[in-house]
Amino acid sequence: MEPRFAPQPESGDRTVHDSEWAGEARAAAGCAGLLLILSLTVDAGDDGLTLPSALLWIVLSVALFVILLPARVAVSPGQLTVRSLWSRRTVYTDRLAAVRWPDGIEQRLVLTDTDGGRAQIDLRVLLANPSLWLLLEADARTSLTNGTLREGMRDLGRLARRVDRDAAHSVFTVSGLR
C-alpha cells in the first residue's frame, strides 16, 4: 500500500474548523486564570505567600488549563484532523474503515481509516457545527460506495438522526415555534 500524503491546500480550500473552539479555549484560560488569582490571593492573605506555594498554584492552574482545553477539529474534503496540545491525529474520511459511537457516558465518535489512522471527535463539535458534519457524512458515503467502510453504518445513521433532530430543534427555537 502506498503512503498517502496530505493534500496541499488549493486556492479554494474548503477546510471547515470548529467554530466553538476559540470560545472554549478562552473559557479554559479564564478558569485557570481565576483559579490562580483566587488561590494566590487566599494564600497571601492567610499565612503569606511563599515561593513553593506560588509555584504549586501556578502548576495546578496550568494543569487545569491543559485538562479543560478542547481539541481543535478541522475537516476538509477527504480528511479530518484533531489537534490537541500533545498530538495531531488525521483520518482520511474518504477511506474510512470503521465508525464507532460507543454507547454510554462518553460521547465521542471514533473514526478509523484504511491506513490505520484513528481519531476521536466529541459529538458536541459535530452538533454545534453542521458544516463539519456535512463534510464528514459526504465522505462516509464515499467510503461506503467504495467498499472501505465495513463497520459503523448503524452508528452513522444514529448520529445523522441526532444531528437532524438537534438542527430541527434549533430552527424551531429560533423561529419561536417551540
Protein backbone atom coordinates (compact mmCIF):
# COMPACT_ATOMS: atom_id res chain seq x y z
CA MET A 1 0.00 0.00 0.00
CA GLU A 2 1.41 3.37 -0.97
CA PRO A 3 1.64 6.03 1.72
CA ARG A 4 -0.80 8.86 1.23
CA PHE A 5 0.48 12.40 1.53
CA ALA A 6 -1.65 15.19 2.91
CA PRO A 7 -3.18 17.22 0.09
CA GLN A 8 -1.84 20.70 -0.40
CA PRO A 9 -4.38 23.49 0.16
CA GLU A 10 -5.88 24.87 -3.02
CA SER A 11 -6.85 28.46 -3.59
CA GLY A 12 -10.47 27.45 -2.88
CA ASP A 13 -9.60 25.48 0.28
CA ARG A 14 -12.81 24.09 1.78
CA THR A 15 -11.47 23.38 5.25
CA VAL A 16 -14.07 23.85 7.96
CA HIS A 17 -12.95 24.48 11.55
CA ASP A 18 -14.82 24.07 14.82
CA SER A 19 -16.43 27.48 15.30
CA GLU A 20 -16.82 26.97 19.07
CA TRP A 21 -13.13 26.21 19.76
CA ALA A 22 -11.92 29.77 20.36
CA GLY A 23 -14.64 30.45 22.93
CA GLU A 24 -13.97 27.18 24.73
CA ALA A 25 -10.23 27.89 24.76
CA ARG A 26 -10.89 31.35 26.26
CA ALA A 27 -13.14 29.77 28.89
CA ALA A 28 -10.41 27.26 29.77
CA ALA A 29 -7.88 30.08 30.11
CA GLY A 30 -10.35 32.10 32.19
CA CYS A 31 -11.00 29.23 34.59
CA ALA A 32 -7.29 28.56 35.00
CA GLY A 33 -6.56 32.27 35.49
CA LEU A 34 -9.35 32.62 38.03
CA LEU A 35 -8.06 29.64 39.99
CA LEU A 36 -4.57 31.16 40.01
CA ILE A 37 -5.72 34.61 41.12
CA LEU A 38 -8.04 33.31 43.83
CA SER A 39 -5.58 30.79 45.20
CA LEU A 40 -2.71 33.31 45.29
CA THR A 41 -4.96 35.89 46.96
CA VAL A 42 -6.22 33.48 49.60
CA ASP A 43 -2.73 32.11 50.21
CA ALA A 44 -1.26 35.61 50.52
CA GLY A 45 -3.99 36.66 52.96
CA ASP A 46 -3.70 33.52 55.09
CA ASP A 47 -0.08 32.93 56.09
CA GLY A 48 1.70 34.98 53.49
CA LEU A 49 2.62 33.82 50.02
CA THR A 50 5.76 31.71 49.72
CA LEU A 51 7.62 30.71 46.58
CA PRO A 52 6.81 26.97 46.90
CA SER A 53 3.09 27.62 47.38
CA ALA A 54 3.02 30.12 44.49
CA LEU A 55 4.71 27.56 42.23
CA LEU A 56 2.21 24.92 43.33
CA TRP A 57 -0.74 27.16 42.44
CA ILE A 58 0.81 28.01 39.07
CA VAL A 59 1.34 24.32 38.28
CA LEU A 60 -2.25 23.48 39.31
CA SER A 61 -3.62 26.32 37.18
CA VAL A 62 -1.63 25.18 34.15
CA ALA A 63 -2.83 21.61 34.72
CA LEU A 64 -6.44 22.83 34.84
CA PHE A 65 -5.94 24.72 31.57
CA VAL A 66 -4.48 21.64 29.88
CA ILE A 67 -7.39 19.50 31.09
CA LEU A 68 -10.07 21.98 30.00
CA LEU A 69 -8.57 22.96 26.63
CA PRO A 70 -10.58 21.19 23.93
CA ALA A 71 -9.07 19.52 20.89
CA ARG A 72 -9.16 21.57 17.70
CA VAL A 73 -11.07 19.92 14.86
CA ALA A 74 -10.75 20.69 11.15
CA VAL A 75 -12.49 18.87 8.31
CA SER A 76 -11.74 19.21 4.63
CA PRO A 77 -12.95 17.01 1.81
CA GLY A 78 -11.34 13.62 2.42
CA GLN A 79 -9.64 14.45 5.69
CA LEU A 80 -10.39 15.11 9.38
CA THR A 81 -7.71 16.43 11.71
CA VAL A 82 -7.95 16.57 15.51
CA ARG A 83 -5.19 18.56 17.24
CA SER A 84 -4.59 18.66 20.96
CA LEU A 85 -1.67 20.16 22.84
CA TRP A 86 0.31 16.94 22.56
CA SER A 87 -0.85 15.22 19.40
CA ARG A 88 -2.24 15.59 15.92
CA ARG A 89 -4.42 12.83 14.52
CA THR A 90 -5.51 12.73 10.89
CA VAL A 91 -8.05 10.36 9.40
CA TYR A 92 -8.75 10.12 5.69
CA THR A 93 -12.52 10.26 5.71
CA ASP A 94 -12.91 9.26 2.08
CA ARG A 95 -11.32 5.91 3.03
CA LEU A 96 -13.00 5.15 6.36
CA ALA A 97 -12.83 1.56 7.56
CA ALA A 98 -14.86 1.89 10.76
CA VAL A 99 -17.00 4.41 12.59
CA ARG A 100 -17.92 3.79 16.22
CA TRP A 101 -20.17 5.70 18.55
CA PRO A 102 -19.87 3.75 21.79
CA ASP A 103 -22.93 3.58 23.99
CA GLY A 104 -22.57 5.03 27.44
CA ILE A 105 -21.41 8.23 29.02
CA GLU A 106 -18.55 9.05 26.66
CA GLN A 107 -19.99 10.98 23.72
CA ARG A 108 -17.21 10.58 21.17
CA LEU A 109 -17.19 9.35 17.62
CA VAL A 110 -14.21 7.10 16.83
CA LEU A 111 -13.09 7.11 13.19
CA THR A 112 -10.60 4.65 11.69
CA ASP A 113 -9.31 4.78 8.10
CA THR A 114 -7.87 2.06 5.89
CA ASP A 115 -4.30 3.19 6.66
CA GLY A 116 -4.85 2.58 10.38
CA GLY A 117 -5.28 6.26 11.24
CA ARG A 118 -7.58 6.79 14.20
CA ALA A 119 -9.19 9.90 15.65
CA GLN A 120 -11.83 10.67 18.24
CA ILE A 121 -14.15 13.61 17.90
CA ASP A 122 -16.50 14.94 20.56
CA LEU A 123 -20.12 14.76 19.36
CA ARG A 124 -20.78 18.27 20.65
CA VAL A 125 -18.40 19.55 17.98
CA LEU A 126 -20.44 17.91 15.21
CA LEU A 127 -23.73 19.04 16.71
CA ALA A 128 -22.54 22.64 17.04
CA ASN A 129 -21.04 22.73 13.53
CA PRO A 130 -23.37 21.27 10.90
CA SER A 131 -20.90 22.10 8.11
CA LEU A 132 -18.35 19.76 9.74
CA TRP A 133 -20.96 17.03 9.89
CA LEU A 134 -21.99 17.52 6.24
CA LEU A 135 -18.41 17.09 5.00
CA LEU A 136 -17.87 14.06 7.23
CA GLU A 137 -21.15 12.46 6.16
CA ALA A 138 -20.41 13.01 2.45
CA ASP A 139 -17.01 11.34 2.82
CA ALA A 140 -18.53 8.47 4.81
CA ARG A 141 -20.94 7.88 1.93
CA THR A 142 -17.96 7.88 -0.45
CA SER A 143 -16.26 5.29 1.76
CA LEU A 144 -19.41 3.18 1.75
CA THR A 145 -19.69 3.42 -2.04
CA ASN A 146 -16.01 2.47 -2.45
CA GLY A 147 -16.48 -0.51 -0.13
CA THR A 148 -13.94 0.52 2.51
CA LEU A 149 -16.48 1.32 5.25
CA ARG A 150 -17.44 -2.05 6.64
CA GLU A 151 -18.29 -1.21 10.24
CA GLY A 152 -20.40 1.56 11.71
CA MET A 153 -23.26 2.31 9.34
CA ARG A 154 -25.75 1.88 12.19
CA ASP A 155 -23.80 4.39 14.29
CA LEU A 156 -23.62 6.86 11.38
CA GLY A 157 -27.37 6.57 10.84
CA ARG A 158 -28.00 7.11 14.54
CA LEU A 159 -25.72 10.17 14.51
CA ALA A 160 -27.41 11.56 11.37
CA ARG A 161 -30.79 11.32 13.10
CA ARG A 162 -29.38 13.08 16.18
CA VAL A 163 -27.85 15.91 14.11
CA ASP A 164 -31.11 16.33 12.17
CA ARG A 165 -33.16 16.34 15.38
CA ASP A 166 -30.91 18.95 17.02
CA ALA A 167 -30.93 21.11 13.87
CA ALA A 168 -34.73 20.97 13.68
CA HIS A 169 -34.97 21.82 17.38
CA SER A 170 -32.70 24.85 16.83
CA VAL A 171 -34.78 26.04 13.87
CA PHE A 172 -38.00 25.74 15.86
CA THR A 173 -36.46 27.53 18.84
CA VAL A 174 -35.10 30.42 16.75
CA SER A 175 -38.37 30.80 14.85
CA GLY A 176 -40.38 30.87 18.08
CA LEU A 177 -42.36 27.73 17.30
CA ARG A 178 -41.11 25.92 20.39
